[in-house]
């Protein structure tokens, strides 16, 4: 197992532990101590403290610690197995039930979101789909080879057309385009930036030129910073998305910001799961099947909107179209923010 795989497994474990920290259990297992709760000091009347809910029995053993770690990582209490199927098949009903107060049955939106974010980055690292300077260079090399092959074919086609005294203007334009593409690919592979000419370059902001110079001098470090920022600031997607969802129900007293926040957090968790599924499908050699997942988000949004807010089919459909557009805007704002963090 390589360093990247070890790091990815570590990210999964970390995500599970963080999710467990925000989705706590009732306490540790073990023995009753003097009839008083060790957490709050209240008098114990049963297996759980009537004041804080901690278990009356506590053990200080390695087995208990490992048990707590497993429960925090996989949530064997059963919540995760009730939450995931409903999030996939009946997202609106689950979101509505959680908002209405059925909290103990489901994993909280924050805990699920944290876990799916860590799981997504871990799987992308394990499957080699995360941005990597080496893979980027390999992709650029493959693109250059394909362009050179196409250029050779076009030049042969041009010679044949000349021999037949046919028009070659269209072929010349395609050849020029391929040569321009090759020149840009070679420039990027050498680590050279596309520069401005004369006055345009002088008018570009100084901070932008300095940032571009830093990227050029160490592209690997820049990519690493962007990836690190994306994982650390993934929570930004929630506050960026909630206002757009609110716009679908402006000044509606039936629904509050809390409702929209729960909706957004569960929805984003599902989208992270789709990325995980896509990464796994690509890694086992079925990218065509992974591409079909592109059509899932609008369907899921429609089902979640209709179930959460009790909409008719037409209202849910119209709001889904708007929500898909809003999702692209929110995603663009997020990526711009992450890119800026990586530069600065």
C-alpha atoms as a PDB file:
ATOM      1  CA  UNK A   1       0.000   0.000   0.000  1.00  0.00           C
ATOM      2  CA  UNK A   2       1.517   3.293  -1.137  1.00  0.00           C
ATOM      3  CA  UNK A   3       1.698   6.584   0.699  1.00  0.00           C
ATOM      4  CA  UNK A   4      -1.338   7.965  -1.168  1.00  0.00           C
ATOM      5  CA  UNK A   5      -3.450   4.910  -0.267  1.00  0.00           C
ATOM      6  CA  UNK A   6      -2.442   5.101   3.389  1.00  0.00           C
ATOM      7  CA  UNK A   7      -3.371   8.793   3.389  1.00  0.00           C
ATOM      8  CA  UNK A   8      -6.740   7.990   1.803  1.00  0.00           C
ATOM      9  CA  UNK A   9      -7.563   5.307   4.372  1.00  0.00           C
ATOM     10  CA  UNK A  10      -6.555   7.752   7.076  1.00  0.00           C
ATOM     11  CA  UNK A  11      -8.952  10.322   5.631  1.00  0.00           C
ATOM     12  CA  UNK A  12     -11.816   7.815   5.769  1.00  0.00           C
ATOM     13  CA  UNK A  13     -11.067   6.973   9.393  1.00  0.00           C
ATOM     14  CA  UNK A  14     -10.749  10.660  10.265  1.00  0.00           C
ATOM     15  CA  UNK A  15     -14.063  11.419   8.585  1.00  0.00           C
ATOM     16  CA  UNK A  16     -15.779   8.669  10.527  1.00  0.00           C
ATOM     17  CA  UNK A  17     -14.339   9.827  13.819  1.00  0.00           C
ATOM     18  CA  UNK A  18     -15.336  13.454  13.185  1.00  0.00           C
ATOM     19  CA  UNK A  19     -18.823  12.336  12.181  1.00  0.00           C
ATOM     20  CA  UNK A  20     -19.001  10.297  15.376  1.00  0.00           C
ATOM     21  CA  UNK A  21     -17.930  13.321  17.375  1.00  0.00           C
ATOM     22  CA  UNK A  22     -20.869  15.376  16.120  1.00  0.00           C
ATOM     23  CA  UNK A  23     -23.223  12.381  16.273  1.00  0.00           C
ATOM     24  CA  UNK A  24     -22.460  11.261  19.853  1.00  0.00           C
ATOM     25  CA  UNK A  25     -23.789   8.189  21.578  1.00  0.00           C
ATOM     26  CA  UNK A  26     -25.264   8.091  25.024  1.00  0.00           C
ATOM     27  CA  UNK A  27     -21.979   7.289  26.745  1.00  0.00           C
ATOM     28  CA  UNK A  28     -19.533   4.518  27.537  1.00  0.00           C
ATOM     29  CA  UNK A  29     -20.240   1.006  28.708  1.00  0.00           C
ATOM     30  CA  UNK A  30     -19.255  -0.382  32.094  1.00  0.00           C
ATOM     31  CA  UNK A  31     -20.166  -0.371  35.786  1.00  0.00           C
ATOM     32  CA  UNK A  32     -22.330   1.893  37.979  1.00  0.00           C
ATOM     33  CA  UNK A  33     -20.322   4.018  40.408  1.00  0.00           C
ATOM     34  CA  UNK A  34     -21.924   4.833  43.782  1.00  0.00           C
ATOM     35  CA  UNK A  35     -25.346   5.464  42.229  1.00  0.00           C
ATOM     36  CA  UNK A  36     -24.224   8.787  40.722  1.00  0.00           C
ATOM     37  CA  UNK A  37     -23.638   9.697  37.075  1.00  0.00           C
ATOM     38  CA  UNK A  38     -19.950  10.191  36.369  1.00  0.00           C
ATOM     39  CA  UNK A  39     -20.769  12.852  33.817  1.00  0.00           C
ATOM     40  CA  UNK A  40     -23.132  15.211  35.687  1.00  0.00           C
ATOM     41  CA  UNK A  41     -23.391  13.736  39.196  1.00  0.00           C
ATOM     42  CA  UNK A  42     -27.148  13.128  39.080  1.00  0.00           C
ATOM     43  CA  UNK A  43     -28.628  10.175  40.957  1.00  0.00           C
ATOM     44  CA  UNK A  44     -28.906   7.101  38.776  1.00  0.00           C
ATOM     45  CA  UNK A  45     -32.231   5.309  38.611  1.00  0.00           C
ATOM     46  CA  UNK A  46     -31.541   2.931  35.739  1.00  0.00           C
ATOM     47  CA  UNK A  47     -29.035   2.023  33.007  1.00  0.00           C
ATOM     48  CA  UNK A  48     -28.955   5.640  31.791  1.00  0.00           C
ATOM     49  CA  UNK A  49     -28.645   8.973  33.583  1.00  0.00           C
ATOM     50  CA  UNK A  50     -32.054  10.699  33.666  1.00  0.00           C
ATOM     51  CA  UNK A  51     -30.381  14.122  33.349  1.00  0.00           C
ATOM     52  CA  UNK A  52     -27.745  13.813  30.620  1.00  0.00           C
ATOM     53  CA  UNK A  53     -28.433  10.386  29.086  1.00  0.00           C
ATOM     54  CA  UNK A  54     -24.970   8.890  29.675  1.00  0.00           C
ATOM     55  CA  UNK A  55     -24.862   5.165  30.366  1.00  0.00           C
ATOM     56  CA  UNK A  56     -24.571   4.267  34.029  1.00  0.00           C
ATOM     57  CA  UNK A  57     -21.887   1.675  33.383  1.00  0.00           C
ATOM     58  CA  UNK A  58     -18.429   2.763  32.243  1.00  0.00           C
ATOM     59  CA  UNK A  59     -15.298   0.699  31.643  1.00  0.00           C
ATOM     60  CA  UNK A  60     -11.781   2.007  31.213  1.00  0.00           C
ATOM     61  CA  UNK A  61     -10.441  -0.689  28.919  1.00  0.00           C
ATOM     62  CA  UNK A  62      -8.851  -0.908  25.511  1.00  0.00           C
ATOM     63  CA  UNK A  63     -11.762  -3.037  24.297  1.00  0.00           C
ATOM     64  CA  UNK A  64     -14.209  -0.276  25.241  1.00  0.00           C
ATOM     65  CA  UNK A  65     -12.061   2.327  23.492  1.00  0.00           C
ATOM     66  CA  UNK A  66     -11.912   0.250  20.302  1.00  0.00           C
ATOM     67  CA  UNK A  67     -15.653  -0.357  20.504  1.00  0.00           C
ATOM     68  CA  UNK A  68     -16.281   3.392  20.790  1.00  0.00           C
ATOM     69  CA  UNK A  69     -13.971   4.012  17.823  1.00  0.00           C
ATOM     70  CA  UNK A  70     -15.816   1.481  15.668  1.00  0.00           C
ATOM     71  CA  UNK A  71     -19.179   2.929  16.660  1.00  0.00           C
ATOM     72  CA  UNK A  72     -17.956   6.425  15.823  1.00  0.00           C
ATOM     73  CA  UNK A  73     -16.530   5.281  12.496  1.00  0.00           C
ATOM     74  CA  UNK A  74     -19.341   3.084  11.195  1.00  0.00           C
ATOM     75  CA  UNK A  75     -22.240   4.036  13.481  1.00  0.00           C
ATOM     76  CA  UNK A  76     -23.299   0.470  14.132  1.00  0.00           C
ATOM     77  CA  UNK A  77     -26.241   1.725  16.174  1.00  0.00           C
ATOM     78  CA  UNK A  78     -28.277   1.424  13.002  1.00  0.00           C
ATOM     79  CA  UNK A  79     -28.774   5.073  12.082  1.00  0.00           C
ATOM     80  CA  UNK A  80     -26.539   4.924   9.030  1.00  0.00           C
ATOM     81  CA  UNK A  81     -28.420   1.944   7.593  1.00  0.00           C
ATOM     82  CA  UNK A  82     -31.748   3.737   7.997  1.00  0.00           C
ATOM     83  CA  UNK A  83     -30.385   7.021   6.630  1.00  0.00           C
ATOM     84  CA  UNK A  84     -28.587   5.960   3.454  1.00  0.00           C
ATOM     85  CA  UNK A  85     -31.408   3.981   1.789  1.00  0.00           C
ATOM     86  CA  UNK A  86     -33.900   6.760   2.481  1.00  0.00           C
ATOM     87  CA  UNK A  87     -31.459   9.428   1.287  1.00  0.00           C
ATOM     88  CA  UNK A  88     -31.151   7.552  -2.008  1.00  0.00           C
ATOM     89  CA  UNK A  89     -34.770   6.477  -2.610  1.00  0.00           C
ATOM     90  CA  UNK A  90     -36.934   8.772  -0.462  1.00  0.00           C
ATOM     91  CA  UNK A  91     -34.822  11.872   0.230  1.00  0.00           C
ATOM     92  CA  UNK A  92     -37.791  14.217   0.605  1.00  0.00           C
ATOM     93  CA  UNK A  93     -39.558  12.048   3.161  1.00  0.00           C
ATOM     94  CA  UNK A  94     -36.377  11.616   5.211  1.00  0.00           C
ATOM     95  CA  UNK A  95     -35.575  15.337   5.133  1.00  0.00           C
ATOM     96  CA  UNK A  96     -39.113  16.223   6.171  1.00  0.00           C
ATOM     97  CA  UNK A  97     -39.118  13.691   8.995  1.00  0.00           C
ATOM     98  CA  UNK A  98     -35.806  14.987  10.315  1.00  0.00           C
ATOM     99  CA  UNK A  99     -37.044  18.591  10.188  1.00  0.00           C
ATOM    100  CA  UNK A 100     -40.254  17.592  11.959  1.00  0.00           C
ATOM    101  CA  UNK A 101     -38.302  16.152  14.865  1.00  0.00           C
ATOM    102  CA  UNK A 102     -37.466  12.504  14.119  1.00  0.00           C
ATOM    103  CA  UNK A 103     -33.781  13.084  14.883  1.00  0.00           C
ATOM    104  CA  UNK A 104     -32.879   9.867  16.721  1.00  0.00           C
ATOM    105  CA  UNK A 105     -33.698   7.660  13.723  1.00  0.00           C
ATOM    106  CA  UNK A 106     -31.330   9.299  11.236  1.00  0.00           C
ATOM    107  CA  UNK A 107     -27.735  10.439  11.031  1.00  0.00           C
ATOM    108  CA  UNK A 108     -27.664  14.208  11.424  1.00  0.00           C
ATOM    109  CA  UNK A 109     -27.029  16.225   8.245  1.00  0.00           C
ATOM    110  CA  UNK A 110     -23.722  17.607   9.561  1.00  0.00           C
ATOM    111  CA  UNK A 111     -22.363  14.192  10.586  1.00  0.00           C
ATOM    112  CA  UNK A 112     -23.327  12.636   7.248  1.00  0.00           C
ATOM    113  CA  UNK A 113     -21.883  15.559   5.304  1.00  0.00           C
ATOM    114  CA  UNK A 114     -18.553  15.397   7.132  1.00  0.00           C
ATOM    115  CA  UNK A 115     -18.241  11.690   6.541  1.00  0.00           C
ATOM    116  CA  UNK A 116     -19.157  11.830   2.846  1.00  0.00           C
ATOM    117  CA  UNK A 117     -16.691  14.686   2.228  1.00  0.00           C
ATOM    118  CA  UNK A 118     -13.818  12.737   3.747  1.00  0.00           C
ATOM    119  CA  UNK A 119     -14.946   9.575   1.981  1.00  0.00           C
ATOM    120  CA  UNK A 120     -15.077  11.364  -1.366  1.00  0.00           C
ATOM    121  CA  UNK A 121     -11.545  12.752  -1.140  1.00  0.00           C
ATOM    122  CA  UNK A 122     -10.228   9.426   0.114  1.00  0.00           C
ATOM    123  CA  UNK A 123     -11.806   7.487  -2.759  1.00  0.00           C
ATOM    124  CA  UNK A 124     -10.599  10.027  -5.329  1.00  0.00           C
ATOM    125  CA  UNK A 125      -7.067   9.639  -3.976  1.00  0.00           C
ATOM    126  CA  UNK A 126      -7.299   5.843  -3.911  1.00  0.00           C
ATOM    127  CA  UNK A 127      -8.605   5.655  -7.475  1.00  0.00           C
ATOM    128  CA  UNK A 128      -6.083   8.191  -8.777  1.00  0.00           C
ATOM    129  CA  UNK A 129      -8.777  10.612  -9.947  1.00  0.00           C
ATOM    130  CA  UNK A 130      -7.620  13.552  -7.853  1.00  0.00           C
ATOM    131  CA  UNK A 131      -5.583  16.255  -9.534  1.00  0.00           C
ATOM    132  CA  UNK A 132      -1.952  15.182  -9.710  1.00  0.00           C
ATOM    133  CA  UNK A 133       0.891  16.892 -11.597  1.00  0.00           C
ATOM    134  CA  UNK A 134       2.134  13.549 -12.912  1.00  0.00           C
ATOM    135  CA  UNK A 135      -1.260  12.508 -14.216  1.00  0.00           C
ATOM    136  CA  UNK A 136      -1.807  15.964 -15.660  1.00  0.00           C
ATOM    137  CA  UNK A 137       1.457  15.696 -17.577  1.00  0.00           C
ATOM    138  CA  UNK A 138       0.463  12.232 -18.791  1.00  0.00           C
ATOM    139  CA  UNK A 139      -2.910  13.532 -19.977  1.00  0.00           C
ATOM    140  CA  UNK A 140      -1.240  16.449 -21.735  1.00  0.00           C
ATOM    141  CA  UNK A 141       1.178  14.035 -23.391  1.00  0.00           C
ATOM    142  CA  UNK A 142      -1.693  11.865 -24.593  1.00  0.00           C
ATOM    143  CA  UNK A 143      -3.545  14.917 -25.918  1.00  0.00           C
ATOM    144  CA  UNK A 144      -0.404  16.060 -27.748  1.00  0.00           C
ATOM    145  CA  UNK A 145       0.063  12.608 -29.306  1.00  0.00           C
ATOM    146  CA  UNK A 146      -3.552  12.585 -30.507  1.00  0.00           C
ATOM    147  CA  UNK A 147      -3.188  16.082 -31.982  1.00  0.00           C
ATOM    148  CA  UNK A 148       0.033  15.105 -33.791  1.00  0.00           C
ATOM    149  CA  UNK A 149      -1.643  12.016 -35.218  1.00  0.00           C
ATOM    150  CA  UNK A 150      -4.572  14.130 -36.396  1.00  0.00           C
ATOM    151  CA  UNK A 151      -2.169  16.717 -37.842  1.00  0.00           C
ATOM    152  CA  UNK A 152      -0.353  14.001 -39.829  1.00  0.00           C
ATOM    153  CA  UNK A 153      -3.669  12.776 -41.199  1.00  0.00           C
ATOM    154  CA  UNK A 154      -4.741  16.306 -42.172  1.00  0.00           C
ATOM    155  CA  UNK A 155      -1.451  16.991 -43.947  1.00  0.00           C
ATOM    156  CA  UNK A 156      -1.836  13.748 -45.931  1.00  0.00           C
ATOM    157  CA  UNK A 157      -5.407  14.764 -46.765  1.00  0.00           C
ATOM    158  CA  UNK A 158      -4.133  18.152 -47.928  1.00  0.00           C
ATOM    159  CA  UNK A 159      -1.552  16.563 -50.241  1.00  0.00           C
ATOM    160  CA  UNK A 160      -4.228  14.326 -51.738  1.00  0.00           C
ATOM    161  CA  UNK A 161      -6.510  17.320 -52.276  1.00  0.00           C
ATOM    162  CA  UNK A 162      -3.724  19.275 -53.971  1.00  0.00           C
ATOM    163  CA  UNK A 163      -3.011  16.354 -56.259  1.00  0.00           C
ATOM    164  CA  UNK A 164      -6.656  16.349 -57.229  1.00  0.00           C
ATOM    165  CA  UNK A 165      -6.609  20.153 -57.510  1.00  0.00           C
ATOM    166  CA  UNK A 166      -9.369  20.402 -54.892  1.00  0.00           C
ATOM    167  CA  UNK A 167     -10.009  23.275 -52.464  1.00  0.00           C
ATOM    168  CA  UNK A 168      -7.739  23.097 -49.398  1.00  0.00           C
ATOM    169  CA  UNK A 169      -8.734  26.251 -47.493  1.00  0.00           C
ATOM    170  CA  UNK A 170     -10.875  24.333 -44.981  1.00  0.00           C
ATOM    171  CA  UNK A 171      -8.128  21.781 -44.438  1.00  0.00           C
ATOM    172  CA  UNK A 172      -5.581  24.580 -43.929  1.00  0.00           C
ATOM    173  CA  UNK A 173      -7.738  26.104 -41.194  1.00  0.00           C
ATOM    174  CA  UNK A 174      -7.971  22.773 -39.376  1.00  0.00           C
ATOM    175  CA  UNK A 175      -4.210  22.274 -39.700  1.00  0.00           C
ATOM    176  CA  UNK A 176      -3.578  25.752 -38.290  1.00  0.00           C
ATOM    177  CA  UNK A 177      -5.906  25.025 -35.379  1.00  0.00           C
ATOM    178  CA  UNK A 178      -4.132  21.766 -34.556  1.00  0.00           C
ATOM    179  CA  UNK A 179      -0.738  23.456 -34.690  1.00  0.00           C
ATOM    180  CA  UNK A 180      -1.988  26.150 -32.323  1.00  0.00           C
ATOM    181  CA  UNK A 181      -3.329  23.494 -29.941  1.00  0.00           C
ATOM    182  CA  UNK A 182       0.006  21.682 -29.991  1.00  0.00           C
ATOM    183  CA  UNK A 183       1.905  24.894 -29.314  1.00  0.00           C
ATOM    184  CA  UNK A 184      -0.285  25.653 -26.282  1.00  0.00           C
ATOM    185  CA  UNK A 185       0.056  22.099 -24.931  1.00  0.00           C
ATOM    186  CA  UNK A 186       3.837  22.231 -25.277  1.00  0.00           C
ATOM    187  CA  UNK A 187       3.878  25.603 -23.545  1.00  0.00           C
ATOM    188  CA  UNK A 188       1.853  24.275 -20.616  1.00  0.00           C
ATOM    189  CA  UNK A 189       4.007  21.127 -20.350  1.00  0.00           C
ATOM    190  CA  UNK A 190       7.112  23.289 -20.102  1.00  0.00           C
ATOM    191  CA  UNK A 191       5.496  25.220 -17.245  1.00  0.00           C
ATOM    192  CA  UNK A 192       5.240  28.422 -19.256  1.00  0.00           C
ATOM    193  CA  UNK A 193       2.269  30.698 -18.842  1.00  0.00           C
ATOM    194  CA  UNK A 194       0.354  32.261 -21.683  1.00  0.00           C
ATOM    195  CA  UNK A 195       1.464  35.881 -21.545  1.00  0.00           C
ATOM    196  CA  UNK A 196      -0.194  39.061 -22.693  1.00  0.00           C
ATOM    197  CA  UNK A 197       1.202  41.335 -25.327  1.00  0.00           C
ATOM    198  CA  UNK A 198       2.371  44.833 -24.551  1.00  0.00           C
ATOM    199  CA  UNK A 199      -0.303  47.033 -23.055  1.00  0.00           C
ATOM    200  CA  UNK A 200      -2.555  44.146 -21.943  1.00  0.00           C
ATOM    201  CA  UNK A 201       0.201  42.698 -19.783  1.00  0.00           C
ATOM    202  CA  UNK A 202       1.002  46.073 -18.243  1.00  0.00           C
ATOM    203  CA  UNK A 203      -2.644  46.612 -17.319  1.00  0.00           C
ATOM    204  CA  UNK A 204      -3.025  43.262 -15.544  1.00  0.00           C
ATOM    205  CA  UNK A 205      -3.133  43.564 -11.723  1.00  0.00           C
ATOM    206  CA  UNK A 206       0.161  43.107  -9.962  1.00  0.00           C
ATOM    207  CA  UNK A 207      -1.257  40.532  -7.528  1.00  0.00           C
ATOM    208  CA  UNK A 208      -2.473  38.475 -10.487  1.00  0.00           C
ATOM    209  CA  UNK A 209       0.961  38.516 -12.125  1.00  0.00           C
ATOM    210  CA  UNK A 210       2.624  37.544  -8.845  1.00  0.00           C
ATOM    211  CA  UNK A 211       0.141  34.729  -8.281  1.00  0.00           C
ATOM    212  CA  UNK A 212       0.675  33.474 -11.825  1.00  0.00           C
ATOM    213  CA  UNK A 213       4.413  33.507 -11.253  1.00  0.00           C
ATOM    214  CA  UNK A 214       4.030  31.416  -8.083  1.00  0.00           C
ATOM    215  CA  UNK A 215       1.881  28.882  -9.915  1.00  0.00           C
ATOM    216  CA  UNK A 216       4.418  28.679 -12.723  1.00  0.00           C
ATOM    217  CA  UNK A 217       7.364  28.247 -10.372  1.00  0.00           C
ATOM    218  CA  UNK A 218       5.767  25.387  -8.412  1.00  0.00           C
ATOM    219  CA  UNK A 219       2.571  23.984  -9.996  1.00  0.00           C
ATOM    220  CA  UNK A 220       2.682  20.867  -7.796  1.00  0.00           C
ATOM    221  CA  UNK A 221       2.521  22.946  -4.618  1.00  0.00           C
ATOM    222  CA  UNK A 222      -0.346  24.991  -6.061  1.00  0.00           C
ATOM    223  CA  UNK A 223      -2.371  21.885  -6.903  1.00  0.00           C
ATOM    224  CA  UNK A 224      -1.753  20.547  -3.426  1.00  0.00           C
ATOM    225  CA  UNK A 225      -2.935  23.804  -1.853  1.00  0.00           C
ATOM    226  CA  UNK A 226      -6.111  23.832  -3.935  1.00  0.00           C
ATOM    227  CA  UNK A 227      -6.903  20.224  -2.996  1.00  0.00           C
ATOM    228  CA  UNK A 228      -6.199  20.925   0.660  1.00  0.00           C
ATOM    229  CA  UNK A 229      -8.409  24.036   0.559  1.00  0.00           C
ATOM    230  CA  UNK A 230     -11.215  22.098  -1.140  1.00  0.00           C
ATOM    231  CA  UNK A 231     -11.258  19.500   1.632  1.00  0.00           C
ATOM    232  CA  UNK A 232     -10.905  21.969   4.509  1.00  0.00           C
ATOM    233  CA  UNK A 233     -13.411  24.507   3.202  1.00  0.00           C
ATOM    234  CA  UNK A 234     -15.951  22.075   1.764  1.00  0.00           C
ATOM    235  CA  UNK A 235     -18.426  23.402   4.353  1.00  0.00           C
ATOM    236  CA  UNK A 236     -18.572  26.630   2.315  1.00  0.00           C
ATOM    237  CA  UNK A 237     -20.891  24.836  -0.095  1.00  0.00           C
ATOM    238  CA  UNK A 238     -23.645  24.901   2.528  1.00  0.00           C
ATOM    239  CA  UNK A 239     -23.846  28.688   3.160  1.00  0.00           C
ATOM    240  CA  UNK A 240     -23.301  29.310  -0.549  1.00  0.00           C
ATOM    241  CA  UNK A 241     -26.237  27.067  -1.478  1.00  0.00           C
ATOM    242  CA  UNK A 242     -28.833  27.921   1.185  1.00  0.00           C
ATOM    243  CA  UNK A 243     -29.617  31.459  -0.127  1.00  0.00           C
ATOM    244  CA  UNK A 244     -30.317  30.047  -3.588  1.00  0.00           C
ATOM    245  CA  UNK A 245     -32.743  27.502  -2.148  1.00  0.00           C
ATOM    246  CA  UNK A 246     -34.421  30.276  -0.160  1.00  0.00           C
ATOM    247  CA  UNK A 247     -35.015  32.113  -3.447  1.00  0.00           C
ATOM    248  CA  UNK A 248     -37.285  29.235  -4.493  1.00  0.00           C
ATOM    249  CA  UNK A 249     -39.581  30.024  -1.542  1.00  0.00           C
ATOM    250  CA  UNK A 250     -39.136  33.765  -0.903  1.00  0.00           C
ATOM    251  CA  UNK A 251     -40.974  35.119   2.128  1.00  0.00           C
ATOM    252  CA  UNK A 252     -42.784  31.790   2.590  1.00  0.00           C
ATOM    253  CA  UNK A 253     -43.657  31.504   6.289  1.00  0.00           C
ATOM    254  CA  UNK A 254     -44.171  27.750   6.120  1.00  0.00           C
ATOM    255  CA  UNK A 255     -40.492  27.090   5.490  1.00  0.00           C
ATOM    256  CA  UNK A 256     -37.558  28.538   7.395  1.00  0.00           C
ATOM    257  CA  UNK A 257     -33.807  28.773   6.886  1.00  0.00           C
ATOM    258  CA  UNK A 258     -33.395  25.727   9.114  1.00  0.00           C
ATOM    259  CA  UNK A 259     -35.498  23.659   6.691  1.00  0.00           C
ATOM    260  CA  UNK A 260     -33.434  24.876   3.738  1.00  0.00           C
ATOM    261  CA  UNK A 261     -30.140  24.179   5.530  1.00  0.00           C
ATOM    262  CA  UNK A 262     -31.129  20.603   6.363  1.00  0.00           C
ATOM    263  CA  UNK A 263     -32.273  20.106   2.757  1.00  0.00           C
ATOM    264  CA  UNK A 264     -29.027  21.470   1.323  1.00  0.00           C
ATOM    265  CA  UNK A 265     -26.784  19.486   3.657  1.00  0.00           C
ATOM    266  CA  UNK A 266     -28.494  16.180   2.944  1.00  0.00           C
ATOM    267  CA  UNK A 267     -28.561  16.952  -0.785  1.00  0.00           C
ATOM    268  CA  UNK A 268     -24.843  17.756  -0.858  1.00  0.00           C
ATOM    269  CA  UNK A 269     -24.116  14.548   1.052  1.00  0.00           C
ATOM    270  CA  UNK A 270     -25.907  12.590  -1.655  1.00  0.00           C
ATOM    271  CA  UNK A 271     -23.945  14.393  -4.380  1.00  0.00           C
ATOM    272  CA  UNK A 272     -20.684  13.467  -2.627  1.00  0.00           C
ATOM    273  CA  UNK A 273     -21.864   9.853  -2.620  1.00  0.00           C
ATOM    274  CA  UNK A 274     -22.442  10.086  -6.368  1.00  0.00           C
ATOM    275  CA  UNK A 275     -18.859  11.288  -6.847  1.00  0.00           C
ATOM    276  CA  UNK A 276     -17.668   8.320  -4.782  1.00  0.00           C
ATOM    277  CA  UNK A 277     -19.744   5.933  -6.894  1.00  0.00           C
ATOM    278  CA  UNK A 278     -18.459   7.522 -10.108  1.00  0.00           C
ATOM    279  CA  UNK A 279     -14.848   7.244  -8.956  1.00  0.00           C
ATOM    280  CA  UNK A 280     -15.289   3.573  -8.109  1.00  0.00           C
ATOM    281  CA  UNK A 281     -16.983   2.832 -11.454  1.00  0.00           C
ATOM    282  CA  UNK A 282     -14.185   4.539 -13.375  1.00  0.00           C
ATOM    283  CA  UNK A 283     -11.543   2.673 -11.349  1.00  0.00           C
ATOM    284  CA  UNK A 284     -13.054  -0.713 -12.272  1.00  0.00           C
ATOM    285  CA  UNK A 285     -13.151   0.205 -15.949  1.00  0.00           C
ATOM    286  CA  UNK A 286     -16.775   1.191 -16.638  1.00  0.00           C
ATOM    287  CA  UNK A 287     -16.594   4.967 -17.293  1.00  0.00           C
ATOM    288  CA  UNK A 288     -19.633   4.795 -19.570  1.00  0.00           C
ATOM    289  CA  UNK A 289     -21.739   3.638 -16.636  1.00  0.00           C
ATOM    290  CA  UNK A 290     -20.228   6.356 -14.447  1.00  0.00           C
ATOM    291  CA  UNK A 291     -21.239   8.975 -17.016  1.00  0.00           C
ATOM    292  CA  UNK A 292     -24.884   7.999 -16.535  1.00  0.00           C
ATOM    293  CA  UNK A 293     -24.669   9.303 -12.961  1.00  0.00           C
ATOM    294  CA  UNK A 294     -24.661  12.804 -14.477  1.00  0.00           C
ATOM    295  CA  UNK A 295     -28.445  12.477 -14.945  1.00  0.00           C
ATOM    296  CA  UNK A 296     -29.126  11.454 -11.336  1.00  0.00           C
ATOM    297  CA  UNK A 297     -28.825  14.848  -9.505  1.00  0.00           C
ATOM    298  CA  UNK A 298     -31.851  16.521 -11.165  1.00  0.00           C
ATOM    299  CA  UNK A 299     -34.011  13.458 -10.428  1.00  0.00           C
ATOM    300  CA  UNK A 300     -32.842  13.394  -6.820  1.00  0.00           C
ATOM    301  CA  UNK A 301     -33.435  17.144  -6.430  1.00  0.00           C
ATOM    302  CA  UNK A 302     -36.957  16.753  -7.807  1.00  0.00           C
ATOM    303  CA  UNK A 303     -37.806  13.927  -5.408  1.00  0.00           C
ATOM    304  CA  UNK A 304     -36.302  15.742  -2.428  1.00  0.00           C
ATOM    305  CA  UNK A 305     -38.045  19.029  -3.237  1.00  0.00           C
ATOM    306  CA  UNK A 306     -41.405  17.377  -3.679  1.00  0.00           C
ATOM    307  CA  UNK A 307     -41.178  15.308  -0.509  1.00  0.00           C
ATOM    308  CA  UNK A 308     -39.649  17.960   1.725  1.00  0.00           C
ATOM    309  CA  UNK A 309     -41.878  20.873   0.783  1.00  0.00           C
ATOM    310  CA  UNK A 310     -45.046  19.004  -0.230  1.00  0.00           C
ATOM    311  CA  UNK A 311     -45.049  20.364  -3.785  1.00  0.00           C
ATOM    312  CA  UNK A 312     -47.155  19.308  -6.727  1.00  0.00           C
ATOM    313  CA  UNK A 313     -45.418  17.616  -9.640  1.00  0.00           C
ATOM    314  CA  UNK A 314     -45.412  20.795 -11.747  1.00  0.00           C
ATOM    315  CA  UNK A 315     -44.175  23.038  -8.938  1.00  0.00           C
ATOM    316  CA  UNK A 316     -41.464  20.546  -8.049  1.00  0.00           C
ATOM    317  CA  UNK A 317     -40.395  20.282 -11.696  1.00  0.00           C
ATOM    318  CA  UNK A 318     -40.182  24.064 -12.175  1.00  0.00           C
ATOM    319  CA  UNK A 319     -38.239  24.508  -8.957  1.00  0.00           C
ATOM    320  CA  UNK A 320     -35.924  21.645  -9.909  1.00  0.00           C
ATOM    321  CA  UNK A 321     -34.979  23.432 -13.135  1.00  0.00           C
ATOM    322  CA  UNK A 322     -34.200  26.574 -11.150  1.00  0.00           C
ATOM    323  CA  UNK A 323     -32.352  24.615  -8.452  1.00  0.00           C
ATOM    324  CA  UNK A 324     -30.110  22.897 -11.009  1.00  0.00           C
ATOM    325  CA  UNK A 325     -29.143  26.322 -12.378  1.00  0.00           C
ATOM    326  CA  UNK A 326     -28.553  27.634  -8.862  1.00  0.00           C
ATOM    327  CA  UNK A 327     -26.394  24.587  -8.101  1.00  0.00           C
ATOM    328  CA  UNK A 328     -24.092  25.430 -11.008  1.00  0.00           C
ATOM    329  CA  UNK A 329     -23.783  29.013  -9.767  1.00  0.00           C
ATOM    330  CA  UNK A 330     -23.041  27.918  -6.193  1.00  0.00           C
ATOM    331  CA  UNK A 331     -20.481  25.370  -7.430  1.00  0.00           C
ATOM    332  CA  UNK A 332     -18.777  28.014  -9.554  1.00  0.00           C
ATOM    333  CA  UNK A 333     -18.583  30.407  -6.601  1.00  0.00           C
ATOM    334  CA  UNK A 334     -17.136  27.614  -4.456  1.00  0.00           C
ATOM    335  CA  UNK A 335     -14.446  26.712  -6.975  1.00  0.00           C
ATOM    336  CA  UNK A 336     -13.523  30.360  -7.488  1.00  0.00           C
ATOM    337  CA  UNK A 337     -13.158  30.741  -3.707  1.00  0.00           C
ATOM    338  CA  UNK A 338     -11.050  27.581  -3.437  1.00  0.00           C
ATOM    339  CA  UNK A 339      -8.862  28.659  -6.353  1.00  0.00           C
ATOM    340  CA  UNK A 340      -8.356  32.067  -4.735  1.00  0.00           C
ATOM    341  CA  UNK A 341      -7.443  30.423  -1.419  1.00  0.00           C
ATOM    342  CA  UNK A 342      -4.941  28.208  -3.237  1.00  0.00           C
ATOM    343  CA  UNK A 343      -3.346  31.239  -4.903  1.00  0.00           C
ATOM    344  CA  UNK A 344      -3.249  33.500  -1.851  1.00  0.00           C
END
